[in-house]
Amino acid sequence: MPTTPDDSRVTRVLVAFAAAQPRGPELPLGVTGGLAAALAAEFGVRDGGDAPGGEADVARAATELLLQDPDSGPQIRALLDGPPPEQFTFIETGAVITAALLVLQTHVRIERKPDGRWSLLVLKKPTESALLNALISKLLPFLGKS
């Protein structure tokens, strides 16, 4: 019976998985301007509220979303069940958020229009939309309010 991986392991798995992915369209640095509001409006979710989680909560939500994906699920399961990914002396929140945004982009195309507004297009609905909403909810506090 598989045990629930600890926060450190889930975070390392997410960062390792994201680092191994081919690079698609990059989100510009400083994506906070309006992205949180656009995601919240598009998916009808709110951030963590009074008790926002940390990067481990974001990593866990992203990993759970990846696990239900037929393409990514077996890779994530192997990383979770196999030998631990490379141990990092520290993981910056930015690396986890970047990895989580990469996971989000496997389901949603995120583009910034010339006028500065964000455009979101759902490319692939997950089997469990609650998992996508959970990831977005955990990401919102890290993306700012502007």
N, C-alpha and C. Protein backbone atom coordinates (compact mmCIF):
# COMPACT_ATOMS: atom_id res chain seq x y z
N MET A 1 0.85 -1.18 0.00
CA MET A 1 0.00 0.00 0.00
C MET A 1 0.90 1.24 0.00
N PRO A 2 0.76 2.13 -1.01
CA PRO A 2 1.64 3.29 -1.07
C PRO A 2 1.36 4.25 0.09
N THR A 3 2.43 4.81 0.61
CA THR A 3 2.28 5.80 1.67
C THR A 3 2.17 7.18 1.04
N THR A 4 1.62 8.11 1.77
CA THR A 4 1.51 9.48 1.29
C THR A 4 2.88 10.13 1.39
N PRO A 5 3.40 10.62 0.26
CA PRO A 5 4.73 11.23 0.30
C PRO A 5 4.71 12.53 1.11
N ASP A 6 5.84 12.81 1.76
CA ASP A 6 5.92 14.05 2.54
C ASP A 6 6.05 15.26 1.61
N ASP A 7 5.89 16.44 2.19
CA ASP A 7 5.90 17.69 1.42
C ASP A 7 7.20 17.87 0.64
N SER A 8 8.31 17.53 1.26
CA SER A 8 9.61 17.69 0.61
C SER A 8 9.69 16.83 -0.64
N ARG A 9 9.23 15.60 -0.53
CA ARG A 9 9.29 14.68 -1.68
C ARG A 9 8.38 15.16 -2.81
N VAL A 10 7.16 15.56 -2.48
CA VAL A 10 6.22 16.04 -3.50
C VAL A 10 6.78 17.27 -4.20
N THR A 11 7.39 18.16 -3.44
CA THR A 11 7.97 19.37 -4.02
C THR A 11 9.12 19.02 -4.95
N ARG A 12 10.01 18.13 -4.53
CA ARG A 12 11.13 17.71 -5.39
C ARG A 12 10.65 17.01 -6.64
N VAL A 13 9.61 16.18 -6.53
CA VAL A 13 9.06 15.48 -7.69
C VAL A 13 8.50 16.48 -8.69
N LEU A 14 7.75 17.46 -8.22
CA LEU A 14 7.18 18.45 -9.13
C LEU A 14 8.26 19.24 -9.85
N VAL A 15 9.26 19.71 -9.11
CA VAL A 15 10.34 20.50 -9.72
C VAL A 15 11.13 19.64 -10.70
N ALA A 16 11.40 18.37 -10.35
CA ALA A 16 12.13 17.48 -11.25
C ALA A 16 11.31 17.20 -12.51
N PHE A 17 10.03 16.98 -12.37
CA PHE A 17 9.16 16.73 -13.52
C PHE A 17 9.14 17.95 -14.44
N ALA A 18 8.95 19.12 -13.87
CA ALA A 18 8.89 20.34 -14.68
C ALA A 18 10.20 20.60 -15.40
N ALA A 19 11.30 20.35 -14.74
CA ALA A 19 12.62 20.58 -15.35
C ALA A 19 12.84 19.66 -16.55
N ALA A 20 12.21 18.49 -16.55
CA ALA A 20 12.40 17.53 -17.64
C ALA A 20 11.46 17.76 -18.82
N GLN A 21 10.53 18.70 -18.68
CA GLN A 21 9.55 18.92 -19.75
C GLN A 21 10.12 19.83 -20.83
N PRO A 22 9.71 19.57 -22.09
CA PRO A 22 10.11 20.49 -23.15
C PRO A 22 9.50 21.86 -22.88
N ARG A 23 10.24 22.87 -23.23
CA ARG A 23 9.77 24.23 -22.97
C ARG A 23 8.75 24.65 -24.01
N GLY A 24 7.62 25.09 -23.54
CA GLY A 24 6.59 25.64 -24.42
C GLY A 24 6.64 27.15 -24.33
N PRO A 25 5.52 27.80 -24.64
CA PRO A 25 5.50 29.25 -24.52
C PRO A 25 5.78 29.67 -23.08
N GLU A 26 6.74 30.51 -22.90
CA GLU A 26 7.12 30.96 -21.56
C GLU A 26 6.19 32.08 -21.11
N LEU A 27 5.82 32.04 -19.85
CA LEU A 27 5.12 33.17 -19.27
C LEU A 27 6.18 34.21 -18.93
N PRO A 28 5.90 35.47 -19.21
CA PRO A 28 6.89 36.48 -18.87
C PRO A 28 7.10 36.55 -17.37
N LEU A 29 8.33 36.91 -16.98
CA LEU A 29 8.60 37.09 -15.56
C LEU A 29 7.68 38.18 -15.03
N GLY A 30 7.32 38.08 -13.78
CA GLY A 30 6.43 39.06 -13.19
C GLY A 30 5.02 38.90 -13.72
N VAL A 31 4.53 37.64 -13.78
CA VAL A 31 3.22 37.38 -14.35
C VAL A 31 2.07 37.81 -13.46
N THR A 32 2.36 38.39 -12.33
CA THR A 32 1.31 38.63 -11.34
C THR A 32 0.28 39.64 -11.80
N GLY A 33 0.63 40.57 -12.68
CA GLY A 33 -0.31 41.62 -13.08
C GLY A 33 -1.57 41.10 -13.72
N GLY A 34 -2.60 40.86 -12.93
CA GLY A 34 -3.91 40.49 -13.43
C GLY A 34 -4.12 39.00 -13.66
N LEU A 35 -3.07 38.19 -13.63
CA LEU A 35 -3.25 36.77 -13.90
C LEU A 35 -4.11 36.10 -12.82
N ALA A 36 -3.90 36.45 -11.58
CA ALA A 36 -4.69 35.86 -10.51
C ALA A 36 -6.17 36.16 -10.71
N ALA A 37 -6.49 37.39 -11.05
CA ALA A 37 -7.88 37.78 -11.26
C ALA A 37 -8.47 37.04 -12.46
N ALA A 38 -7.69 36.91 -13.54
CA ALA A 38 -8.17 36.21 -14.73
C ALA A 38 -8.44 34.74 -14.43
N LEU A 39 -7.54 34.09 -13.71
CA LEU A 39 -7.74 32.68 -13.35
C LEU A 39 -8.94 32.51 -12.43
N ALA A 40 -9.05 33.38 -11.45
CA ALA A 40 -10.17 33.30 -10.51
C ALA A 40 -11.50 33.47 -11.24
N ALA A 41 -11.56 34.43 -12.16
CA ALA A 41 -12.80 34.66 -12.91
C ALA A 41 -13.12 33.50 -13.85
N GLU A 42 -12.13 33.02 -14.56
CA GLU A 42 -12.35 31.95 -15.55
C GLU A 42 -12.81 30.66 -14.89
N PHE A 43 -12.23 30.32 -13.74
CA PHE A 43 -12.52 29.03 -13.11
C PHE A 43 -13.42 29.14 -11.89
N GLY A 44 -13.81 30.35 -11.52
CA GLY A 44 -14.72 30.53 -10.39
C GLY A 44 -14.15 30.05 -9.07
N VAL A 45 -12.85 30.27 -8.88
CA VAL A 45 -12.22 29.85 -7.63
C VAL A 45 -11.67 31.05 -6.90
N ARG A 46 -11.47 30.86 -5.61
CA ARG A 46 -10.86 31.89 -4.79
C ARG A 46 -9.58 31.34 -4.21
N ASP A 47 -8.74 32.25 -3.72
CA ASP A 47 -7.50 31.76 -3.13
C ASP A 47 -7.79 31.13 -1.78
N GLY A 48 -6.74 30.68 -1.13
CA GLY A 48 -6.87 29.95 0.12
C GLY A 48 -7.57 30.70 1.23
N GLY A 49 -7.88 31.96 1.04
CA GLY A 49 -8.60 32.72 2.05
C GLY A 49 -7.73 33.09 3.23
N ASP A 50 -8.27 32.86 4.42
CA ASP A 50 -7.59 33.27 5.64
C ASP A 50 -6.35 32.45 5.94
N ALA A 51 -6.27 31.23 5.41
CA ALA A 51 -5.15 30.36 5.73
C ALA A 51 -4.49 29.86 4.44
N PRO A 52 -3.83 30.78 3.70
CA PRO A 52 -3.20 30.32 2.46
C PRO A 52 -2.10 29.31 2.76
N GLY A 53 -1.94 28.35 1.87
CA GLY A 53 -0.92 27.33 2.06
C GLY A 53 0.42 27.82 1.56
N GLY A 54 1.39 26.95 1.68
CA GLY A 54 2.73 27.26 1.21
C GLY A 54 3.00 26.57 -0.11
N GLU A 55 4.28 26.61 -0.51
CA GLU A 55 4.63 26.02 -1.80
C GLU A 55 4.39 24.51 -1.82
N ALA A 56 4.47 23.84 -0.67
CA ALA A 56 4.20 22.40 -0.64
C ALA A 56 2.75 22.11 -1.01
N ASP A 57 1.83 22.98 -0.59
CA ASP A 57 0.42 22.80 -0.94
C ASP A 57 0.22 22.98 -2.45
N VAL A 58 0.93 23.94 -3.04
CA VAL A 58 0.86 24.14 -4.49
C VAL A 58 1.43 22.91 -5.19
N ALA A 59 2.58 22.43 -4.72
CA ALA A 59 3.22 21.26 -5.32
C ALA A 59 2.31 20.04 -5.23
N ARG A 60 1.67 19.85 -4.09
CA ARG A 60 0.78 18.70 -3.92
C ARG A 60 -0.42 18.80 -4.86
N ALA A 61 -1.01 20.00 -4.99
CA ALA A 61 -2.16 20.18 -5.89
C ALA A 61 -1.74 19.93 -7.35
N ALA A 62 -0.57 20.43 -7.75
CA ALA A 62 -0.09 20.22 -9.12
C ALA A 62 0.19 18.75 -9.37
N THR A 63 0.78 18.07 -8.40
CA THR A 63 1.10 16.66 -8.54
C THR A 63 -0.17 15.81 -8.63
N GLU A 64 -1.17 16.14 -7.83
CA GLU A 64 -2.44 15.41 -7.89
C GLU A 64 -3.10 15.58 -9.25
N LEU A 65 -3.02 16.78 -9.82
CA LEU A 65 -3.57 17.01 -11.16
C LEU A 65 -2.81 16.18 -12.19
N LEU A 66 -1.49 16.16 -12.09
CA LEU A 66 -0.68 15.38 -13.02
C LEU A 66 -0.94 13.88 -12.90
N LEU A 67 -1.18 13.39 -11.69
CA LEU A 67 -1.41 11.97 -11.48
C LEU A 67 -2.64 11.46 -12.23
N GLN A 68 -3.66 12.29 -12.41
CA GLN A 68 -4.86 11.82 -13.09
C GLN A 68 -4.74 11.94 -14.60
N ASP A 69 -3.66 12.54 -15.10
CA ASP A 69 -3.45 12.69 -16.53
C ASP A 69 -2.86 11.39 -17.10
N PRO A 70 -3.45 10.83 -18.18
CA PRO A 70 -2.93 9.57 -18.70
C PRO A 70 -1.50 9.66 -19.23
N ASP A 71 -1.07 10.83 -19.69
CA ASP A 71 0.29 10.99 -20.20
C ASP A 71 1.31 11.20 -19.08
N SER A 72 0.97 12.04 -18.12
CA SER A 72 1.90 12.40 -17.06
C SER A 72 1.81 11.52 -15.83
N GLY A 73 0.65 10.93 -15.59
CA GLY A 73 0.42 10.16 -14.38
C GLY A 73 1.44 9.07 -14.12
N PRO A 74 1.76 8.23 -15.12
CA PRO A 74 2.74 7.17 -14.86
C PRO A 74 4.13 7.71 -14.51
N GLN A 75 4.52 8.83 -15.12
CA GLN A 75 5.83 9.43 -14.80
C GLN A 75 5.85 9.93 -13.36
N ILE A 76 4.77 10.62 -12.98
CA ILE A 76 4.70 11.16 -11.61
C ILE A 76 4.66 10.01 -10.61
N ARG A 77 3.88 8.96 -10.90
CA ARG A 77 3.79 7.82 -9.99
C ARG A 77 5.16 7.19 -9.82
N ALA A 78 5.92 7.05 -10.93
CA ALA A 78 7.26 6.46 -10.85
C ALA A 78 8.18 7.34 -10.00
N LEU A 79 8.08 8.65 -10.16
CA LEU A 79 8.92 9.55 -9.36
C LEU A 79 8.54 9.49 -7.87
N LEU A 80 7.24 9.37 -7.59
CA LEU A 80 6.80 9.31 -6.20
C LEU A 80 7.16 7.98 -5.54
N ASP A 81 7.07 6.89 -6.31
CA ASP A 81 7.29 5.55 -5.74
C ASP A 81 8.74 5.08 -5.83
N GLY A 82 9.51 5.66 -6.75
CA GLY A 82 10.89 5.23 -6.96
C GLY A 82 11.86 5.92 -6.03
N PRO A 83 13.14 5.82 -6.36
CA PRO A 83 14.15 6.52 -5.55
C PRO A 83 13.87 8.02 -5.57
N PRO A 84 14.19 8.70 -4.49
CA PRO A 84 13.89 10.13 -4.43
C PRO A 84 14.62 10.91 -5.52
N PRO A 85 13.93 11.92 -6.10
CA PRO A 85 14.63 12.81 -7.03
C PRO A 85 15.77 13.52 -6.30
N GLU A 86 16.64 14.11 -7.07
CA GLU A 86 17.79 14.83 -6.51
C GLU A 86 17.37 15.70 -5.34
N GLN A 87 18.14 15.63 -4.30
CA GLN A 87 17.86 16.44 -3.10
C GLN A 87 18.40 17.84 -3.33
N PHE A 88 17.55 18.82 -3.14
CA PHE A 88 17.98 20.21 -3.23
C PHE A 88 18.25 20.71 -1.81
N THR A 89 19.26 21.53 -1.66
CA THR A 89 19.51 22.06 -0.32
C THR A 89 18.39 23.01 0.09
N PHE A 90 17.81 23.67 -0.87
CA PHE A 90 16.63 24.49 -0.61
C PHE A 90 15.87 24.59 -1.92
N ILE A 91 14.60 24.79 -1.83
CA ILE A 91 13.79 24.99 -3.04
C ILE A 91 13.14 26.34 -2.89
N GLU A 92 13.43 27.18 -3.84
CA GLU A 92 12.82 28.50 -3.81
C GLU A 92 11.35 28.39 -4.17
N THR A 93 10.55 29.22 -3.55
CA THR A 93 9.13 29.27 -3.87
C THR A 93 8.95 29.51 -5.36
N GLY A 94 9.79 30.33 -5.95
CA GLY A 94 9.69 30.63 -7.38
C GLY A 94 9.78 29.39 -8.25
N ALA A 95 10.63 28.44 -7.87
CA ALA A 95 10.77 27.21 -8.65
C ALA A 95 9.49 26.38 -8.59
N VAL A 96 8.87 26.33 -7.44
CA VAL A 96 7.64 25.56 -7.28
C VAL A 96 6.51 26.24 -8.04
N ILE A 97 6.41 27.56 -7.93
CA ILE A 97 5.34 28.28 -8.62
C ILE A 97 5.52 28.16 -10.12
N THR A 98 6.76 28.28 -10.60
CA THR A 98 7.04 28.12 -12.02
C THR A 98 6.64 26.72 -12.48
N ALA A 99 6.98 25.71 -11.70
CA ALA A 99 6.62 24.33 -12.05
C ALA A 99 5.10 24.17 -12.06
N ALA A 100 4.43 24.74 -11.08
CA ALA A 100 2.97 24.63 -11.03
C ALA A 100 2.32 25.35 -12.21
N LEU A 101 2.87 26.49 -12.61
CA LEU A 101 2.35 27.19 -13.79
C LEU A 101 2.56 26.35 -15.05
N LEU A 102 3.67 25.64 -15.11
CA LEU A 102 3.91 24.74 -16.25
C LEU A 102 2.84 23.65 -16.27
N VAL A 103 2.52 23.09 -15.12
CA VAL A 103 1.47 22.07 -15.04
C VAL A 103 0.14 22.67 -15.47
N LEU A 104 -0.16 23.86 -14.99
CA LEU A 104 -1.40 24.54 -15.37
C LEU A 104 -1.48 24.70 -16.89
N GLN A 105 -0.35 25.01 -17.52
CA GLN A 105 -0.34 25.21 -18.96
C GLN A 105 -0.53 23.91 -19.75
N THR A 106 -0.48 22.76 -19.09
CA THR A 106 -0.82 21.52 -19.79
C THR A 106 -2.32 21.42 -20.00
N HIS A 107 -3.08 22.25 -19.30
CA HIS A 107 -4.53 22.25 -19.41
C HIS A 107 -5.10 23.57 -19.92
N VAL A 108 -4.37 24.65 -19.74
CA VAL A 108 -4.88 25.98 -20.06
C VAL A 108 -3.80 26.76 -20.81
N ARG A 109 -4.17 27.35 -21.95
CA ARG A 109 -3.23 28.24 -22.65
C ARG A 109 -3.37 29.62 -22.00
N ILE A 110 -2.25 30.15 -21.56
CA ILE A 110 -2.22 31.45 -20.89
C ILE A 110 -1.42 32.39 -21.77
N GLU A 111 -2.06 33.47 -22.20
CA GLU A 111 -1.38 34.45 -23.04
C GLU A 111 -1.69 35.85 -22.54
N ARG A 112 -0.71 36.70 -22.69
CA ARG A 112 -0.92 38.11 -22.33
C ARG A 112 -1.14 38.89 -23.61
N LYS A 113 -2.25 39.61 -23.67
CA LYS A 113 -2.59 40.41 -24.85
C LYS A 113 -1.77 41.70 -24.84
N PRO A 114 -1.63 42.34 -26.01
CA PRO A 114 -0.86 43.59 -26.06
C PRO A 114 -1.35 44.68 -25.10
N ASP A 115 -2.65 44.67 -24.80
CA ASP A 115 -3.19 45.68 -23.88
C ASP A 115 -2.96 45.32 -22.40
N GLY A 116 -2.27 44.19 -22.16
CA GLY A 116 -1.93 43.80 -20.78
C GLY A 116 -2.91 42.83 -20.14
N ARG A 117 -4.07 42.61 -20.76
CA ARG A 117 -5.04 41.67 -20.21
C ARG A 117 -4.59 40.24 -20.49
N TRP A 118 -5.07 39.31 -19.68
CA TRP A 118 -4.73 37.90 -19.84
C TRP A 118 -5.83 37.18 -20.59
N SER A 119 -5.45 36.28 -21.46
CA SER A 119 -6.37 35.43 -22.20
C SER A 119 -6.14 34.00 -21.75
N LEU A 120 -7.21 33.31 -21.38
CA LEU A 120 -7.13 31.93 -20.91
C LEU A 120 -8.02 31.06 -21.79
N LEU A 121 -7.47 29.97 -22.29
CA LEU A 121 -8.22 29.04 -23.12
C LEU A 121 -7.98 27.64 -22.57
N VAL A 122 -9.06 26.98 -22.16
CA VAL A 122 -8.94 25.62 -21.65
C VAL A 122 -8.67 24.69 -22.84
N LEU A 123 -7.50 24.06 -22.82
CA LEU A 123 -7.09 23.17 -23.90
C LEU A 123 -7.54 21.73 -23.65
N LYS A 124 -7.44 21.32 -22.40
CA LYS A 124 -7.71 19.93 -22.06
C LYS A 124 -8.37 19.91 -20.68
N LYS A 125 -9.62 19.54 -20.65
CA LYS A 125 -10.31 19.45 -19.36
C LYS A 125 -9.81 18.20 -18.63
N PRO A 126 -9.41 18.36 -17.38
CA PRO A 126 -8.98 17.19 -16.63
C PRO A 126 -10.17 16.29 -16.30
N THR A 127 -9.89 15.04 -16.02
CA THR A 127 -10.94 14.10 -15.63
C THR A 127 -11.63 14.62 -14.38
N GLU A 128 -10.85 15.14 -13.48
CA GLU A 128 -11.37 15.72 -12.23
C GLU A 128 -11.16 17.22 -12.25
N SER A 129 -12.18 18.00 -12.63
CA SER A 129 -12.01 19.44 -12.68
C SER A 129 -11.73 20.03 -11.30
N ALA A 130 -12.14 19.33 -10.25
CA ALA A 130 -11.85 19.81 -8.90
C ALA A 130 -10.35 19.89 -8.65
N LEU A 131 -9.57 19.01 -9.29
CA LEU A 131 -8.12 19.05 -9.11
C LEU A 131 -7.52 20.30 -9.75
N LEU A 132 -8.03 20.67 -10.93
CA LEU A 132 -7.56 21.89 -11.59
C LEU A 132 -7.94 23.10 -10.75
N ASN A 133 -9.17 23.13 -10.26
CA ASN A 133 -9.60 24.24 -9.42
C ASN A 133 -8.79 24.33 -8.13
N ALA A 134 -8.44 23.18 -7.56
CA ALA A 134 -7.63 23.17 -6.34
C ALA A 134 -6.24 23.76 -6.61
N LEU A 135 -5.65 23.39 -7.74
CA LEU A 135 -4.34 23.95 -8.08
C LEU A 135 -4.43 25.46 -8.24
N ILE A 136 -5.43 25.93 -8.97
CA ILE A 136 -5.58 27.37 -9.18
C ILE A 136 -5.80 28.09 -7.85
N SER A 137 -6.63 27.52 -7.00
CA SER A 137 -6.90 28.12 -5.69
C SER A 137 -5.62 28.26 -4.87
N LYS A 138 -4.75 27.25 -4.94
CA LYS A 138 -3.50 27.30 -4.17
C LYS A 138 -2.48 28.23 -4.81
N LEU A 139 -2.56 28.43 -6.12
CA LEU A 139 -1.64 29.32 -6.82
C LEU A 139 -1.97 30.80 -6.62
N LEU A 140 -3.25 31.12 -6.52
CA LEU A 140 -3.67 32.53 -6.49
C LEU A 140 -2.93 33.40 -5.49
N PRO A 141 -2.71 32.94 -4.24
CA PRO A 141 -2.01 33.83 -3.31
C PRO A 141 -0.58 34.18 -3.76
N PHE A 142 0.04 33.31 -4.56
CA PHE A 142 1.40 33.55 -5.02
C PHE A 142 1.45 34.44 -6.25
N LEU A 143 0.31 34.64 -6.91
CA LEU A 143 0.28 35.41 -8.15
C LEU A 143 -0.09 36.87 -7.93
N GLY A 144 -0.41 37.24 -6.73
CA GLY A 144 -0.70 38.65 -6.45
C GLY A 144 -2.15 38.98 -6.74
N LYS A 145 -2.51 40.17 -6.40
CA LYS A 145 -3.90 40.61 -6.52
C LYS A 145 -4.11 41.64 -7.62
N SER A 146 -3.06 42.12 -8.26
CA SER A 146 -3.23 43.21 -9.22
C SER A 146 -3.73 42.70 -10.55
